[in-house]
């Protein structure tokens, strides 16, 4: 094996030396590109040779194969795997596992290549990270120069196990939190070209410690963490938010949790188990609704009257004023007044909080625009529910300052999710006991001295994972 590596390395040295000493040194960019390709080709040859030698070592170890009950069926079946170095051609022997009663490729199991996988995990992770910001085609072009299809990018997205945002090691001691909740409306693919629009509501919740001033009329959120649910389940989404708050913040010091939103039912039902919760109407949505009804009655001081009633906490006065508008209203005006009255009375406490509390303003629309709309609803596109849910999670994970890694495309043991922790936290709080820890198993150490021993190790490490 060492001789093969030395031969490949010597060929690389000779090739690079020849190019450097030629007239191509006059064009450094072209020379760099050619040298890079030579290095990539040499890297592919070394890896292919190493895998081939590993395959032959298993074939030669007849005693070890007998103990594992592996019967050789066919030699050197080829497969390709796209990696950072390009396409690798891997020749592996095909065996029958008498103990498991199945056909398998032991080398694939050792080198960590999953059945039917044609793209390496590192390349797959890059494709997924790029697809969170741009189209599948642009992602494939940027990462693989177009050698991978759009369908392959989509398949990689569906394979990702998106981790949850990690809570800080030490709990933050704050007196108040500000949570911004809103939803994006994403166009879905129309089955069989059915007429009409089909939209999916994607709820987004952002947990922050407030805002700070950056410059004139510009603020930014502090310690912002975004949350979205892959199945668009708002109840589970709020449970995840609740679990994160319980892990990240000292609950004894936390006095108020302000939930900013547009008054939607799923937002009103958020964080019901936290006594510190105070719902605040989002200023943009309230002013939008108020402007709509005031434009219908330009001769009346609608805005002034409603704001005065809210400031004085006089819902009867607001209702009386709105009723007076109906006396001379036409059919369209009546509808607008009734819609606004329902909206105002159902969200009176939240509107009062908006107009009377000394707290930072809301930025729900900004969060939706930057985190979701920029990729999913701003341009004309149709999404499948499965891909939309997964890609929303990936985009939110990246917006929280993380990057999808190769390990996230591999099968792994599921850890406790925040919404599961929230349920457990509530039950244990009622029982008078708190458990703030997450338990993770200790990584096992395996002996990788020979091909057969590596195979035995991988059998134990990937217990339950199909080999073919």
Protein backbone atom coordinates (compact mmCIF):
# COMPACT_ATOMS: atom_id res chain seq x y z
CA UNK A 1 0.00 0.00 0.00
CA UNK A 2 2.84 2.37 0.83
CA UNK A 3 4.40 1.76 -2.57
CA UNK A 4 1.14 2.66 -4.30
CA UNK A 5 0.87 5.92 -2.36
CA UNK A 6 4.50 6.78 -3.10
CA UNK A 7 3.97 6.08 -6.80
CA UNK A 8 0.88 8.33 -6.93
CA UNK A 9 2.70 11.06 -5.01
CA UNK A 10 5.71 10.85 -7.37
CA UNK A 11 3.44 11.14 -10.42
CA UNK A 12 1.84 14.22 -8.84
CA UNK A 13 5.26 15.78 -8.18
CA UNK A 14 6.41 15.10 -11.73
CA UNK A 15 3.22 16.59 -13.20
CA UNK A 16 3.35 19.74 -11.08
CA UNK A 17 7.08 20.20 -11.68
CA UNK A 18 6.62 19.92 -15.42
CA UNK A 19 3.88 22.56 -15.43
CA UNK A 20 5.73 24.96 -13.16
CA UNK A 21 8.89 24.79 -15.30
CA UNK A 22 6.93 25.33 -18.51
CA UNK A 23 5.71 28.61 -19.95
CA UNK A 24 2.42 28.24 -17.99
CA UNK A 25 4.05 29.99 -15.04
CA UNK A 26 3.21 33.20 -16.92
CA UNK A 27 -0.49 32.61 -16.17
CA UNK A 28 -0.65 31.93 -12.44
CA UNK A 29 -4.44 31.58 -12.33
CA UNK A 30 -4.49 28.91 -15.03
CA UNK A 31 -1.54 27.15 -13.41
CA UNK A 32 -3.26 27.13 -10.01
CA UNK A 33 -6.39 25.59 -11.54
CA UNK A 34 -4.44 22.80 -13.23
CA UNK A 35 -2.37 22.07 -10.11
CA UNK A 36 -5.54 21.91 -8.03
CA UNK A 37 -7.05 19.36 -10.41
CA UNK A 38 -3.84 17.29 -10.30
CA UNK A 39 -3.98 17.27 -6.50
CA UNK A 40 -7.64 16.29 -6.51
CA UNK A 41 -6.97 13.46 -8.95
CA UNK A 42 -4.07 12.19 -6.83
CA UNK A 43 -6.27 12.34 -3.73
CA UNK A 44 -8.97 10.30 -5.44
CA UNK A 45 -6.46 7.68 -6.56
CA UNK A 46 -5.02 7.33 -3.04
CA UNK A 47 -8.46 6.88 -1.47
CA UNK A 48 -9.54 4.40 -4.13
CA UNK A 49 -6.35 2.42 -3.58
CA UNK A 50 -6.85 2.43 0.20
CA UNK A 51 -10.41 1.16 -0.09
CA UNK A 52 -9.33 -1.49 -2.57
CA UNK A 53 -6.61 -2.70 -0.20
CA UNK A 54 -9.11 -2.79 2.69
CA UNK A 55 -11.46 -4.85 0.54
CA UNK A 56 -8.72 -7.34 -0.33
CA UNK A 57 -7.64 -7.65 3.32
CA UNK A 58 -11.15 -8.77 4.26
CA UNK A 59 -11.18 -11.24 1.37
CA UNK A 60 -7.83 -12.72 2.50
CA UNK A 61 -8.91 -13.04 6.14
CA UNK A 62 -10.80 -16.30 5.69
CA UNK A 63 -10.74 -17.18 9.38
CA UNK A 64 -12.22 -13.84 10.40
CA UNK A 65 -14.91 -14.06 7.71
CA UNK A 66 -15.81 -17.54 8.88
CA UNK A 67 -16.34 -16.28 12.43
CA UNK A 68 -18.59 -13.51 11.07
CA UNK A 69 -20.40 -16.03 8.82
CA UNK A 70 -19.66 -14.04 5.66
CA UNK A 71 -19.75 -15.97 2.38
CA UNK A 72 -18.16 -14.32 -0.68
CA UNK A 73 -20.61 -14.08 -3.59
CA UNK A 74 -19.03 -11.64 -6.05
CA UNK A 75 -15.73 -9.78 -6.24
CA UNK A 76 -15.21 -6.06 -6.77
CA UNK A 77 -18.62 -4.67 -7.53
CA UNK A 78 -18.11 -0.98 -8.45
CA UNK A 79 -19.97 2.01 -7.07
CA UNK A 80 -19.39 5.76 -7.24
CA UNK A 81 -19.44 8.29 -4.42
CA UNK A 82 -19.25 12.04 -4.98
CA UNK A 83 -16.93 13.67 -2.43
CA UNK A 84 -15.00 16.90 -1.97
CA UNK A 85 -12.38 15.45 -4.31
CA UNK A 86 -14.95 14.55 -6.97
CA UNK A 87 -16.33 11.16 -7.98
CA UNK A 88 -14.66 8.14 -6.35
CA UNK A 89 -14.89 4.71 -7.94
CA UNK A 90 -14.96 2.12 -5.17
CA UNK A 91 -14.66 -1.62 -5.85
CA UNK A 92 -16.14 -3.80 -3.09
CA UNK A 93 -16.81 -7.50 -2.64
CA UNK A 94 -20.37 -8.74 -2.23
CA UNK A 95 -21.07 -11.16 0.64
CA UNK A 96 -23.93 -13.12 2.12
CA UNK A 97 -24.25 -12.72 5.90
CA UNK A 98 -25.48 -16.13 7.09
CA UNK A 99 -26.04 -14.86 10.63
CA UNK A 100 -28.33 -12.04 9.54
CA UNK A 101 -29.66 -13.79 6.42
CA UNK A 102 -28.94 -10.82 4.17
CA UNK A 103 -26.57 -9.70 1.42
CA UNK A 104 -24.10 -6.98 2.27
CA UNK A 105 -20.98 -5.01 1.36
CA UNK A 106 -18.69 -5.09 4.43
CA UNK A 107 -16.40 -2.36 3.05
CA UNK A 108 -19.35 0.04 2.72
CA UNK A 109 -20.17 -0.60 6.36
CA UNK A 110 -16.58 0.06 7.45
CA UNK A 111 -16.05 3.31 5.51
CA UNK A 112 -19.46 4.67 6.53
CA UNK A 113 -21.20 4.67 3.15
CA UNK A 114 -24.95 4.11 3.42
CA UNK A 115 -26.91 1.93 0.96
CA UNK A 116 -27.80 3.73 -2.28
CA UNK A 117 -25.84 6.79 -1.19
CA UNK A 118 -24.11 8.49 -4.10
CA UNK A 119 -23.10 11.77 -2.44
CA UNK A 120 -20.76 12.01 0.54
CA UNK A 121 -22.01 13.53 3.78
CA UNK A 122 -19.65 16.52 3.66
CA UNK A 123 -20.75 17.46 0.15
CA UNK A 124 -24.34 16.80 1.14
CA UNK A 125 -24.04 19.18 4.09
CA UNK A 126 -22.66 21.91 1.82
CA UNK A 127 -25.52 21.39 -0.62
CA UNK A 128 -28.08 21.66 2.17
CA UNK A 129 -26.53 24.80 3.65
CA UNK A 130 -26.49 26.46 0.24
CA UNK A 131 -30.07 25.38 -0.53
CA UNK A 132 -31.26 27.17 2.60
CA UNK A 133 -30.46 30.45 0.80
CA UNK A 134 -30.73 29.72 -2.93
CA UNK A 135 -32.49 27.33 -5.31
CA UNK A 136 -31.54 23.68 -5.71
CA UNK A 137 -29.94 24.38 -9.08
CA UNK A 138 -27.83 27.25 -7.74
CA UNK A 139 -26.82 25.14 -4.76
CA UNK A 140 -25.62 22.31 -7.01
CA UNK A 141 -23.79 24.79 -9.26
CA UNK A 142 -22.02 26.49 -6.36
CA UNK A 143 -20.94 23.33 -4.54
CA UNK A 144 -20.39 20.79 -7.32
CA UNK A 145 -20.20 22.93 -10.48
CA UNK A 146 -23.47 21.40 -11.61
CA UNK A 147 -22.32 17.76 -11.41
CA UNK A 148 -25.16 17.00 -8.96
CA UNK A 149 -28.82 17.22 -10.00
CA UNK A 150 -31.51 19.33 -8.33
CA UNK A 151 -33.31 16.15 -7.26
CA UNK A 152 -30.18 15.04 -5.40
CA UNK A 153 -30.11 18.33 -3.49
CA UNK A 154 -33.75 17.81 -2.53
CA UNK A 155 -33.00 14.27 -1.35
CA UNK A 156 -30.15 15.53 0.82
CA UNK A 157 -32.49 18.06 2.44
CA UNK A 158 -34.98 15.35 3.37
CA UNK A 159 -32.24 13.26 4.99
CA UNK A 160 -31.07 15.96 7.41
CA UNK A 161 -31.67 15.43 11.13
CA UNK A 162 -31.85 19.09 12.09
CA UNK A 163 -30.52 19.62 15.64
CA UNK A 164 -32.22 21.99 18.03
CA UNK A 165 -30.56 25.19 19.14
CA UNK A 166 -28.37 24.46 22.14
CA UNK A 167 -29.22 26.28 25.33
CA UNK A 168 -26.35 28.17 26.99
CA UNK A 169 -24.30 26.20 29.51
CA UNK A 170 -25.05 28.74 32.22
CA UNK A 171 -28.56 30.07 32.64
CA UNK A 172 -29.03 33.75 31.87
CA UNK A 173 -30.49 35.76 34.71
CA UNK A 174 -32.87 38.32 33.18
CA UNK A 175 -36.00 40.00 34.46
CA UNK A 176 -37.93 40.03 31.17
CA UNK A 177 -38.01 38.36 27.78
CA UNK A 178 -39.57 39.60 24.55
CA UNK A 179 -40.97 37.00 22.19
CA UNK A 180 -42.05 37.84 18.65
CA UNK A 181 -44.56 35.53 16.95
CA UNK A 182 -45.89 35.74 13.41
CA UNK A 183 -46.41 33.49 10.39
CA UNK A 184 -45.40 33.34 6.77
CA UNK A 185 -47.82 32.29 4.01
CA UNK A 186 -46.07 29.99 1.54
CA UNK A 187 -47.50 28.87 -1.81
CA UNK A 188 -47.72 25.10 -2.11
CA UNK A 189 -47.50 22.93 -5.19
CA UNK A 190 -50.91 22.52 -6.80
CA UNK A 191 -51.87 18.85 -7.11
CA UNK A 192 -52.93 17.99 -10.65
CA UNK A 193 -52.87 21.69 -11.58
CA UNK A 194 -55.93 22.45 -9.46
CA UNK A 195 -57.22 26.00 -9.71
CA UNK A 196 -56.94 28.48 -6.90
CA UNK A 197 -54.23 29.20 -4.37
CA UNK A 198 -52.97 26.69 -1.85
CA UNK A 199 -50.99 28.31 0.97
CA UNK A 200 -49.28 26.85 4.02
CA UNK A 201 -49.06 28.92 7.19
CA UNK A 202 -45.58 28.63 8.72
CA UNK A 203 -45.49 29.94 12.32
CA UNK A 204 -42.23 31.48 13.54
CA UNK A 205 -41.36 32.40 17.14
CA UNK A 206 -38.30 34.45 18.11
CA UNK A 207 -37.11 34.57 21.73
CA UNK A 208 -35.05 37.64 22.65
CA UNK A 209 -33.79 39.49 25.70
CA UNK A 210 -35.04 42.80 24.30
CA UNK A 211 -33.45 45.27 21.92
CA UNK A 212 -30.59 47.75 21.87
CA UNK A 213 -30.03 50.86 19.78
CA UNK A 214 -27.50 50.55 16.96
CA UNK A 215 -27.86 53.98 15.40
CA UNK A 216 -30.52 56.55 14.63
CA UNK A 217 -33.91 54.80 14.32
CA UNK A 218 -32.29 51.38 14.12
CA UNK A 219 -32.36 48.70 16.82
CA UNK A 220 -31.31 45.08 17.01
CA UNK A 221 -32.55 42.19 19.08
CA UNK A 222 -30.44 40.72 21.89
CA UNK A 223 -29.67 36.99 22.08
CA UNK A 224 -32.33 36.20 19.45
CA UNK A 225 -33.18 32.52 18.96
CA UNK A 226 -35.71 31.47 16.32
CA UNK A 227 -38.07 28.49 16.47
CA UNK A 228 -40.18 26.76 13.82
CA UNK A 229 -41.92 23.38 13.74
CA UNK A 230 -41.29 21.03 10.82
CA UNK A 231 -44.92 19.88 10.83
CA UNK A 232 -46.24 23.44 11.37
CA UNK A 233 -47.77 22.37 14.70
CA UNK A 234 -48.19 25.59 16.70
CA UNK A 235 -48.84 23.76 20.00
CA UNK A 236 -45.63 21.78 19.75
CA UNK A 237 -43.83 24.93 18.62
CA UNK A 238 -44.85 26.75 21.80
CA UNK A 239 -43.82 23.73 23.86
CA UNK A 240 -40.38 23.90 22.27
CA UNK A 241 -40.14 27.61 23.11
CA UNK A 242 -41.23 26.91 26.67
CA UNK A 243 -38.66 24.12 27.04
CA UNK A 244 -35.87 26.37 25.73
CA UNK A 245 -36.80 29.17 28.13
CA UNK A 246 -36.76 26.72 31.04
CA UNK A 247 -33.27 25.52 30.07
CA UNK A 248 -31.73 28.85 29.10
CA UNK A 249 -33.07 31.22 31.78
CA UNK A 250 -33.39 31.29 35.53
CA UNK A 251 -37.11 30.99 36.12
CA UNK A 252 -36.91 32.45 39.63
CA UNK A 253 -35.49 35.72 38.31
CA UNK A 254 -37.77 35.95 35.27
CA UNK A 255 -40.61 38.37 36.02
CA UNK A 256 -42.26 39.05 32.64
CA UNK A 257 -42.41 37.30 29.28
CA UNK A 258 -43.89 39.65 26.69
CA UNK A 259 -45.36 37.89 23.65
CA UNK A 260 -45.67 40.29 20.70
CA UNK A 261 -48.06 39.23 17.94
CA UNK A 262 -50.93 40.19 15.68
CA UNK A 263 -53.61 38.66 17.91
CA UNK A 264 -53.98 35.40 15.97
CA UNK A 265 -55.51 32.45 17.89
CA UNK A 266 -52.32 30.37 17.81
CA UNK A 267 -50.36 33.30 19.27
CA UNK A 268 -52.91 33.95 22.04
CA UNK A 269 -52.58 30.32 23.13
CA UNK A 270 -48.79 30.55 23.45
CA UNK A 271 -46.94 29.97 26.73
CA UNK A 272 -50.12 29.28 28.69
CA UNK A 273 -48.14 27.41 31.37
CA UNK A 274 -45.95 30.43 32.19
CA UNK A 275 -47.49 32.76 34.75
CA UNK A 276 -45.17 35.58 33.62
CA UNK A 277 -46.71 35.77 30.13
CA UNK A 278 -48.10 39.12 28.94
CA UNK A 279 -49.51 39.40 25.41
CA UNK A 280 -48.74 42.60 23.51
CA UNK A 281 -50.34 43.62 20.21
CA UNK A 282 -47.87 44.18 17.40
CA UNK A 283 -47.92 47.89 16.51
CA UNK A 284 -47.72 47.35 12.76
CA UNK A 285 -50.78 45.11 12.60
CA UNK A 286 -52.84 47.30 14.96
CA UNK A 287 -52.09 50.49 13.04
CA UNK A 288 -52.84 48.71 9.79
CA UNK A 289 -56.29 47.65 11.03
CA UNK A 290 -56.96 51.10 12.50
CA UNK A 291 -55.93 52.80 9.26
CA UNK A 292 -58.24 50.58 7.25
CA UNK A 293 -61.36 51.62 9.19
CA UNK A 294 -60.31 55.26 9.50
CA UNK A 295 -59.94 55.60 5.72
CA UNK A 296 -63.56 54.55 5.36
CA UNK A 297 -64.62 57.53 7.51
CA UNK A 298 -62.27 60.39 6.56
CA UNK A 299 -64.55 63.00 8.15
CA UNK A 300 -64.40 61.37 11.60
CA UNK A 301 -61.37 61.34 13.92
CA UNK A 302 -61.39 57.55 14.19
CA UNK A 303 -57.75 57.13 15.16
CA UNK A 304 -57.89 59.84 17.82
CA UNK A 305 -61.06 58.45 19.37
CA UNK A 306 -59.88 54.83 19.47
CA UNK A 307 -56.47 55.73 20.88
CA UNK A 308 -58.05 57.86 23.58
CA UNK A 309 -60.37 55.01 24.56
CA UNK A 310 -57.48 52.57 24.72
CA UNK A 311 -55.33 54.95 26.77
CA UNK A 312 -58.18 55.41 29.26
CA UNK A 313 -59.01 51.69 29.32
CA UNK A 314 -62.57 52.43 28.24
CA UNK A 315 -63.77 49.62 25.93
CA UNK A 316 -67.37 50.83 26.33
CA UNK A 317 -66.39 54.21 24.96
CA UNK A 318 -64.65 52.59 21.98
CA UNK A 319 -67.69 50.41 21.34
CA UNK A 320 -70.04 53.39 21.55
CA UNK A 321 -67.94 55.35 19.08
CA UNK A 322 -67.82 52.46 16.60
CA UNK A 323 -71.57 52.01 16.88
CA UNK A 324 -72.03 55.68 16.03
CA UNK A 325 -70.09 55.10 12.81
CA UNK A 326 -72.68 52.54 11.72
CA UNK A 327 -75.54 55.03 11.78
CA UNK A 328 -74.62 56.57 8.42
CA UNK A 329 -72.51 53.75 6.97
CA UNK A 330 -73.08 51.85 3.76
CA UNK A 331 -72.66 48.10 3.35
CA UNK A 332 -68.89 48.18 2.79
CA UNK A 333 -68.33 50.57 5.69
CA UNK A 334 -70.46 48.44 8.00
CA UNK A 335 -68.34 45.39 7.21
CA UNK A 336 -65.10 47.24 7.96
CA UNK A 337 -66.41 48.60 11.27
CA UNK A 338 -67.67 45.20 12.39
CA UNK A 339 -64.38 43.51 11.52
CA UNK A 340 -62.38 46.14 13.39
CA UNK A 341 -64.65 46.03 16.45
CA UNK A 342 -64.30 42.26 16.67
CA UNK A 343 -60.54 42.56 16.28
CA UNK A 344 -60.26 45.33 18.89
CA UNK A 345 -62.49 43.80 21.56
CA UNK A 346 -60.94 40.34 21.26
CA UNK A 347 -57.45 41.84 21.69
CA UNK A 348 -58.22 44.68 24.09
CA UNK A 349 -55.69 43.67 26.77
CA UNK A 350 -52.93 43.20 24.19
CA UNK A 351 -53.70 46.58 22.58
CA UNK A 352 -53.66 48.23 26.00
CA UNK A 353 -50.25 46.69 26.67
CA UNK A 354 -48.97 48.06 23.37
CA UNK A 355 -50.13 51.64 24.14
CA UNK A 356 -49.39 51.83 27.87
CA UNK A 357 -46.37 49.66 28.73
CA UNK A 358 -42.85 51.05 28.52
CA UNK A 359 -41.35 48.17 26.51
CA UNK A 360 -39.47 47.83 23.20
CA UNK A 361 -41.51 47.87 20.02
CA UNK A 362 -42.34 44.79 18.00
CA UNK A 363 -40.41 43.46 15.00
CA UNK A 364 -42.50 40.44 14.03
CA UNK A 365 -42.71 41.39 10.35
CA UNK A 366 -38.96 41.91 10.16
CA UNK A 367 -38.27 38.47 11.61
CA UNK A 368 -40.62 36.82 9.12
CA UNK A 369 -39.11 38.75 6.22
CA UNK A 370 -35.48 37.86 6.95
CA UNK A 371 -35.87 34.33 8.31
CA UNK A 372 -38.63 32.85 6.12
CA UNK A 373 -40.05 35.08 3.37
CA UNK A 374 -36.70 35.78 1.74
CA UNK A 375 -36.47 32.10 0.73
CA UNK A 376 -40.02 30.75 0.68
CA UNK A 377 -42.63 33.35 -0.29
CA UNK A 378 -40.96 36.42 -1.75
CA UNK A 379 -40.33 34.84 -5.15
CA UNK A 380 -42.84 32.81 -7.21
CA UNK A 381 -42.30 29.19 -6.17
CA UNK A 382 -44.35 26.17 -5.14
CA UNK A 383 -43.29 23.90 -2.28
CA UNK A 384 -44.15 20.40 -1.12
CA UNK A 385 -45.14 20.15 2.52
CA UNK A 386 -42.36 17.69 3.37
CA UNK A 387 -39.52 19.76 1.90
CA UNK A 388 -40.92 23.03 3.21
CA UNK A 389 -41.02 21.72 6.77
CA UNK A 390 -37.47 20.40 6.64
CA UNK A 391 -35.99 23.43 4.87
CA UNK A 392 -37.71 25.82 7.30
CA UNK A 393 -35.99 24.01 10.16
CA UNK A 394 -32.64 24.18 8.35
CA UNK A 395 -33.00 27.88 7.58
CA UNK A 396 -33.97 28.69 11.17
CA UNK A 397 -31.06 26.58 12.45
CA UNK A 398 -28.68 28.60 10.28
CA UNK A 399 -30.33 31.88 11.28
CA UNK A 400 -29.48 30.96 14.87
CA UNK A 401 -25.80 30.97 13.94
CA UNK A 402 -25.30 27.26 13.21
CA UNK A 403 -24.26 25.23 10.18
CA UNK A 404 -25.52 21.82 9.06
CA UNK A 405 -22.64 19.36 9.45
CA UNK A 406 -21.95 15.99 7.84
CA UNK A 407 -23.01 14.22 11.05
CA UNK A 408 -26.50 15.70 10.69
CA UNK A 409 -27.04 13.66 7.51
CA UNK A 410 -26.22 10.40 9.28
CA UNK A 411 -28.47 8.32 11.47
CA UNK A 412 -28.04 8.98 15.15
CA UNK A 413 -29.71 8.45 18.48
CA UNK A 414 -32.49 10.94 19.06
CA UNK A 415 -32.00 13.20 22.09
CA UNK A 416 -34.72 14.81 24.15
CA UNK A 417 -36.38 17.66 22.24
CA UNK A 418 -37.39 20.95 23.85
CA UNK A 419 -41.12 20.28 23.59
CA UNK A 420 -40.59 16.93 25.36
CA UNK A 421 -38.52 18.64 28.03
CA UNK A 422 -41.26 21.26 28.53
CA UNK A 423 -43.83 18.54 29.26
CA UNK A 424 -41.45 16.81 31.66
CA UNK A 425 -40.54 20.10 33.34
CA UNK A 426 -44.20 20.92 34.03
CA UNK A 427 -44.90 17.45 35.45
CA UNK A 428 -41.84 17.54 37.68
CA UNK A 429 -42.62 21.08 38.81
CA UNK A 430 -46.07 19.96 39.89
CA UNK A 431 -44.49 17.07 41.74
CA UNK A 432 -42.05 19.47 43.42
CA UNK A 433 -38.95 18.23 41.66
CA UNK A 434 -36.84 19.86 38.89
CA UNK A 435 -34.48 18.06 36.53
CA UNK A 436 -32.38 20.47 34.45
CA UNK A 437 -30.04 17.99 32.79
CA UNK A 438 -29.79 16.35 29.39
CA UNK A 439 -28.23 12.91 29.44
CA UNK A 440 -26.11 11.73 26.54
CA UNK A 441 -24.38 8.39 26.18
CA UNK A 442 -20.61 8.07 26.38
CA UNK A 443 -19.01 7.45 22.96
CA UNK A 444 -17.65 3.95 22.57
CA UNK A 445 -14.03 3.29 21.53
CA UNK A 446 -13.33 0.50 19.03
CA UNK A 447 -10.16 -1.27 17.96
CA UNK A 448 -9.57 -0.60 14.25
CA UNK A 449 -6.44 -2.65 13.73
CA UNK A 450 -7.54 -4.71 10.72
CA UNK A 451 -10.29 -4.81 8.11
CA UNK A 452 -12.22 -7.59 9.83
CA UNK A 453 -11.92 -5.97 13.25
CA UNK A 454 -13.14 -2.69 11.77
CA UNK A 455 -16.14 -4.53 10.39
CA UNK A 456 -16.92 -6.05 13.80
CA UNK A 457 -16.65 -2.59 15.38
CA UNK A 458 -19.02 -1.07 12.84
CA UNK A 459 -21.53 -3.86 13.40
CA UNK A 460 -21.75 -2.88 17.04
CA UNK A 461 -21.62 0.87 16.46
CA UNK A 462 -24.37 0.85 13.81
CA UNK A 463 -26.63 -1.66 15.50
CA UNK A 464 -30.00 -1.69 13.81
CA UNK A 465 -28.84 0.16 10.70
CA UNK A 466 -29.34 -1.87 7.48
CA UNK A 467 -26.14 -2.75 5.66
CA UNK A 468 -27.54 -3.04 2.17
